[in-house]
PDB file of N, CA and C in Angstrom:
ATOM      1  N   MET A   1     -11.304 -91.520  14.414  1.00  0.00           N
ATOM      2  CA  MET A   1     -10.431 -91.677  13.261  1.00  0.00           C
ATOM      3  C   MET A   1      -9.004 -91.866  13.757  1.00  0.00           C
ATOM      4  N   LYS A   2      -8.359 -92.892  13.321  1.00  0.00           N
ATOM      5  CA  LYS A   2      -6.982 -93.163  13.717  1.00  0.00           C
ATOM      6  C   LYS A   2      -6.043 -92.665  12.618  1.00  0.00           C
ATOM      7  N   THR A   3      -4.989 -91.974  13.023  1.00  0.00           N
ATOM      8  CA  THR A   3      -3.998 -91.458  12.074  1.00  0.00           C
ATOM      9  C   THR A   3      -2.610 -91.935  12.469  1.00  0.00           C
ATOM     10  N   GLU A   4      -1.670 -91.692  11.620  1.00  0.00           N
ATOM     11  CA  GLU A   4      -0.266 -92.026  11.887  1.00  0.00           C
ATOM     12  C   GLU A   4       0.497 -90.803  12.423  1.00  0.00           C
ATOM     13  N   TRP A   5      -0.225 -89.778  12.836  1.00  0.00           N
ATOM     14  CA  TRP A   5       0.408 -88.558  13.312  1.00  0.00           C
ATOM     15  C   TRP A   5       1.082 -88.791  14.658  1.00  0.00           C
ATOM     16  N   GLU A   6       2.247 -88.194  14.809  1.00  0.00           N
ATOM     17  CA  GLU A   6       2.951 -88.240  16.087  1.00  0.00           C
ATOM     18  C   GLU A   6       2.588 -86.982  16.868  1.00  0.00           C
ATOM     19  N   HIS A   7       2.248 -87.128  18.118  1.00  0.00           N
ATOM     20  CA  HIS A   7       1.844 -85.996  18.943  1.00  0.00           C
ATOM     21  C   HIS A   7       2.967 -85.600  19.890  1.00  0.00           C
ATOM     22  N   PHE A   8       3.066 -84.299  20.116  1.00  0.00           N
ATOM     23  CA  PHE A   8       4.023 -83.790  21.085  1.00  0.00           C
ATOM     24  C   PHE A   8       3.314 -82.740  21.925  1.00  0.00           C
ATOM     25  N   ILE A   9       3.261 -82.943  23.201  1.00  0.00           N
ATOM     26  CA  ILE A   9       2.675 -81.975  24.116  1.00  0.00           C
ATOM     27  C   ILE A   9       3.780 -81.535  25.073  1.00  0.00           C
ATOM     28  N   PRO A  10       4.195 -80.260  24.965  1.00  0.00           N
ATOM     29  CA  PRO A  10       5.273 -79.785  25.828  1.00  0.00           C
ATOM     30  C   PRO A  10       4.812 -79.670  27.280  1.00  0.00           C
ATOM     31  N   PRO A  11       5.756 -79.554  28.195  1.00  0.00           N
ATOM     32  CA  PRO A  11       5.398 -79.371  29.602  1.00  0.00           C
ATOM     33  C   PRO A  11       4.523 -78.125  29.789  1.00  0.00           C
ATOM     34  N   PHE A  12       3.659 -78.162  30.769  1.00  0.00           N
ATOM     35  CA  PHE A  12       2.692 -77.088  31.002  1.00  0.00           C
ATOM     36  C   PHE A  12       3.349 -75.714  31.101  1.00  0.00           C
ATOM     37  N   GLU A  13       4.502 -75.613  31.730  1.00  0.00           N
ATOM     38  CA  GLU A  13       5.134 -74.293  31.905  1.00  0.00           C
ATOM     39  C   GLU A  13       5.536 -73.649  30.581  1.00  0.00           C
ATOM     40  N   PHE A  14       5.588 -74.414  29.502  1.00  0.00           N
ATOM     41  CA  PHE A  14       5.908 -73.863  28.190  1.00  0.00           C
ATOM     42  C   PHE A  14       4.659 -73.603  27.348  1.00  0.00           C
ATOM     43  N   CYS A  15       3.479 -73.745  27.930  1.00  0.00           N
ATOM     44  CA  CYS A  15       2.229 -73.651  27.168  1.00  0.00           C
ATOM     45  C   CYS A  15       1.317 -72.528  27.631  1.00  0.00           C
ATOM     46  N   THR A  16       1.770 -71.651  28.487  1.00  0.00           N
ATOM     47  CA  THR A  16       0.833 -70.748  29.144  1.00  0.00           C
ATOM     48  C   THR A  16       0.838 -69.310  28.648  1.00  0.00           C
ATOM     49  N   ASP A  17       1.795 -68.885  27.841  1.00  0.00           N
ATOM     50  CA  ASP A  17       1.851 -67.459  27.529  1.00  0.00           C
ATOM     51  C   ASP A  17       2.011 -67.192  26.035  1.00  0.00           C
ATOM     52  N   ASN A  18       1.059 -67.633  25.249  1.00  0.00           N
ATOM     53  CA  ASN A  18       1.103 -67.369  23.821  1.00  0.00           C
ATOM     54  C   ASN A  18       0.989 -65.884  23.519  1.00  0.00           C
ATOM     55  N   ALA A  19       0.283 -65.127  24.342  1.00  0.00           N
ATOM     56  CA  ALA A  19       0.143 -63.688  24.116  1.00  0.00           C
ATOM     57  C   ALA A  19       1.510 -63.003  24.139  1.00  0.00           C
ATOM     58  N   ALA A  20       2.387 -63.418  25.034  1.00  0.00           N
ATOM     59  CA  ALA A  20       3.723 -62.830  25.103  1.00  0.00           C
ATOM     60  C   ALA A  20       4.519 -63.149  23.840  1.00  0.00           C
ATOM     61  N   MET A  21       4.368 -64.356  23.306  1.00  0.00           N
ATOM     62  CA  MET A  21       5.088 -64.715  22.079  1.00  0.00           C
ATOM     63  C   MET A  21       4.582 -63.901  20.898  1.00  0.00           C
ATOM     64  N   ILE A  22       3.272 -63.697  20.814  1.00  0.00           N
ATOM     65  CA  ILE A  22       2.704 -62.882  19.738  1.00  0.00           C
ATOM     66  C   ILE A  22       3.166 -61.437  19.882  1.00  0.00           C
ATOM     67  N   ALA A  23       3.171 -60.935  21.120  1.00  0.00           N
ATOM     68  CA  ALA A  23       3.576 -59.547  21.362  1.00  0.00           C
ATOM     69  C   ALA A  23       5.030 -59.309  20.984  1.00  0.00           C
ATOM     70  N   ILE A  24       5.933 -60.212  21.342  1.00  0.00           N
ATOM     71  CA  ILE A  24       7.347 -59.988  21.032  1.00  0.00           C
ATOM     72  C   ILE A  24       7.595 -60.079  19.535  1.00  0.00           C
ATOM     73  N   THR A  25       6.848 -60.959  18.857  1.00  0.00           N
ATOM     74  CA  THR A  25       6.964 -61.028  17.394  1.00  0.00           C
ATOM     75  C   THR A  25       6.513 -59.717  16.771  1.00  0.00           C
ATOM     76  N   GLY A  26       5.386 -59.183  17.232  1.00  0.00           N
ATOM     77  CA  GLY A  26       4.904 -57.891  16.732  1.00  0.00           C
ATOM     78  C   GLY A  26       5.875 -56.771  17.022  1.00  0.00           C
ATOM     79  N   TYR A  27       6.483 -56.796  18.191  1.00  0.00           N
ATOM     80  CA  TYR A  27       7.458 -55.770  18.572  1.00  0.00           C
ATOM     81  C   TYR A  27       8.645 -55.761  17.609  1.00  0.00           C
ATOM     82  N   TYR A  28       9.203 -56.943  17.332  1.00  0.00           N
ATOM     83  CA  TYR A  28      10.356 -56.996  16.428  1.00  0.00           C
ATOM     84  C   TYR A  28       9.959 -56.659  14.991  1.00  0.00           C
ATOM     85  N   LYS A  29       8.768 -57.034  14.574  1.00  0.00           N
ATOM     86  CA  LYS A  29       8.308 -56.640  13.242  1.00  0.00           C
ATOM     87  C   LYS A  29       8.153 -55.118  13.177  1.00  0.00           C
ATOM     88  N   PHE A  30       7.652 -54.514  14.248  1.00  0.00           N
ATOM     89  CA  PHE A  30       7.527 -53.063  14.295  1.00  0.00           C
ATOM     90  C   PHE A  30       8.897 -52.393  14.214  1.00  0.00           C
ATOM     91  N   LEU A  31       9.857 -52.897  14.981  1.00  0.00           N
ATOM     92  CA  LEU A  31      11.197 -52.310  14.940  1.00  0.00           C
ATOM     93  C   LEU A  31      11.820 -52.397  13.550  1.00  0.00           C
ATOM     94  N   ASN A  32      11.522 -53.470  12.829  1.00  0.00           N
ATOM     95  CA  ASN A  32      12.053 -53.646  11.473  1.00  0.00           C
ATOM     96  C   ASN A  32      11.153 -53.019  10.411  1.00  0.00           C
ATOM     97  N   GLN A  33      10.108 -52.329  10.851  1.00  0.00           N
ATOM     98  CA  GLN A  33       9.127 -51.723   9.956  1.00  0.00           C
ATOM     99  C   GLN A  33       8.586 -52.741   8.951  1.00  0.00           C
ATOM    100  N   ASP A  34       8.308 -53.939   9.442  1.00  0.00           N
ATOM    101  CA  ASP A  34       7.772 -55.037   8.634  1.00  0.00           C
ATOM    102  C   ASP A  34       6.250 -54.998   8.727  1.00  0.00           C
ATOM    103  N   PHE A  35       5.628 -54.137   7.921  1.00  0.00           N
ATOM    104  CA  PHE A  35       4.188 -53.935   7.951  1.00  0.00           C
ATOM    105  C   PHE A  35       3.540 -54.529   6.717  1.00  0.00           C
ATOM    106  N   SER A  36       2.267 -54.837   6.812  1.00  0.00           N
ATOM    107  CA  SER A  36       1.497 -55.264   5.646  1.00  0.00           C
ATOM    108  C   SER A  36       0.443 -54.201   5.351  1.00  0.00           C
ATOM    109  N   SER A  37      -0.164 -54.301   4.191  1.00  0.00           N
ATOM    110  CA  SER A  37      -1.181 -53.318   3.828  1.00  0.00           C
ATOM    111  C   SER A  37      -2.523 -53.678   4.461  1.00  0.00           C
ATOM    112  N   GLN A  38      -3.458 -52.740   4.426  1.00  0.00           N
ATOM    113  CA  GLN A  38      -4.794 -52.982   4.970  1.00  0.00           C
ATOM    114  C   GLN A  38      -5.580 -53.983   4.122  1.00  0.00           C
ATOM    115  N   GLU A  39      -5.129 -54.242   2.900  1.00  0.00           N
ATOM    116  CA  GLU A  39      -5.819 -55.172   2.016  1.00  0.00           C
ATOM    117  C   GLU A  39      -5.388 -56.623   2.256  1.00  0.00           C
ATOM    118  N   SER A  40      -4.466 -56.847   3.157  1.00  0.00           N
ATOM    119  CA  SER A  40      -3.966 -58.199   3.427  1.00  0.00           C
ATOM    120  C   SER A  40      -5.048 -59.058   4.072  1.00  0.00           C
ATOM    121  N   SER A  41      -5.014 -60.332   3.740  1.00  0.00           N
ATOM    122  CA  SER A  41      -5.909 -61.301   4.377  1.00  0.00           C
ATOM    123  C   SER A  41      -5.091 -62.169   5.319  1.00  0.00           C
ATOM    124  N   PRO A  42      -5.690 -62.606   6.419  1.00  0.00           N
ATOM    125  CA  PRO A  42      -4.958 -63.498   7.321  1.00  0.00           C
ATOM    126  C   PRO A  42      -4.671 -64.830   6.645  1.00  0.00           C
ATOM    127  N   PHE A  43      -3.558 -65.420   7.001  1.00  0.00           N
ATOM    128  CA  PHE A  43      -3.168 -66.702   6.424  1.00  0.00           C
ATOM    129  C   PHE A  43      -2.643 -67.584   7.538  1.00  0.00           C
ATOM    130  N   ALA A  44      -3.363 -68.637   7.836  1.00  0.00           N
ATOM    131  CA  ALA A  44      -2.921 -69.590   8.864  1.00  0.00           C
ATOM    132  C   ALA A  44      -2.191 -70.725   8.161  1.00  0.00           C
ATOM    133  N   ARG A  45      -0.952 -70.930   8.565  1.00  0.00           N
ATOM    134  CA  ARG A  45      -0.174 -72.022   7.972  1.00  0.00           C
ATOM    135  C   ARG A  45      -0.584 -73.337   8.593  1.00  0.00           C
ATOM    136  N   PHE A  46      -1.011 -74.252   7.799  1.00  0.00           N
ATOM    137  CA  PHE A  46      -1.351 -75.582   8.282  1.00  0.00           C
ATOM    138  C   PHE A  46      -0.823 -76.574   7.271  1.00  0.00           C
ATOM    139  N   TYR A  47       0.128 -77.380   7.694  1.00  0.00           N
ATOM    140  CA  TYR A  47       0.712 -78.381   6.811  1.00  0.00           C
ATOM    141  C   TYR A  47       0.276 -79.748   7.303  1.00  0.00           C
ATOM    142  N   GLY A  48      -0.843 -80.164   6.882  1.00  0.00           N
ATOM    143  CA  GLY A  48      -1.367 -81.443   7.339  1.00  0.00           C
ATOM    144  C   GLY A  48      -1.820 -82.277   6.159  1.00  0.00           C
ATOM    145  N   MET A  49      -2.490 -83.287   6.469  1.00  0.00           N
ATOM    146  CA  MET A  49      -3.079 -84.230   5.533  1.00  0.00           C
ATOM    147  C   MET A  49      -2.596 -83.992   4.160  1.00  0.00           C
TER     148      MET A  49
END
């Protein structure tokens, strides 16, 4: 399937540590006491098609 989407692939050195990015986001949310309830559902943002 051919699309009109533009692709961007960053250099490899910027693609290797997603766990660290998730951890630092969680750390700052914890410091700000930005918690959700146990009844929350996960929500993946996808803005496509």
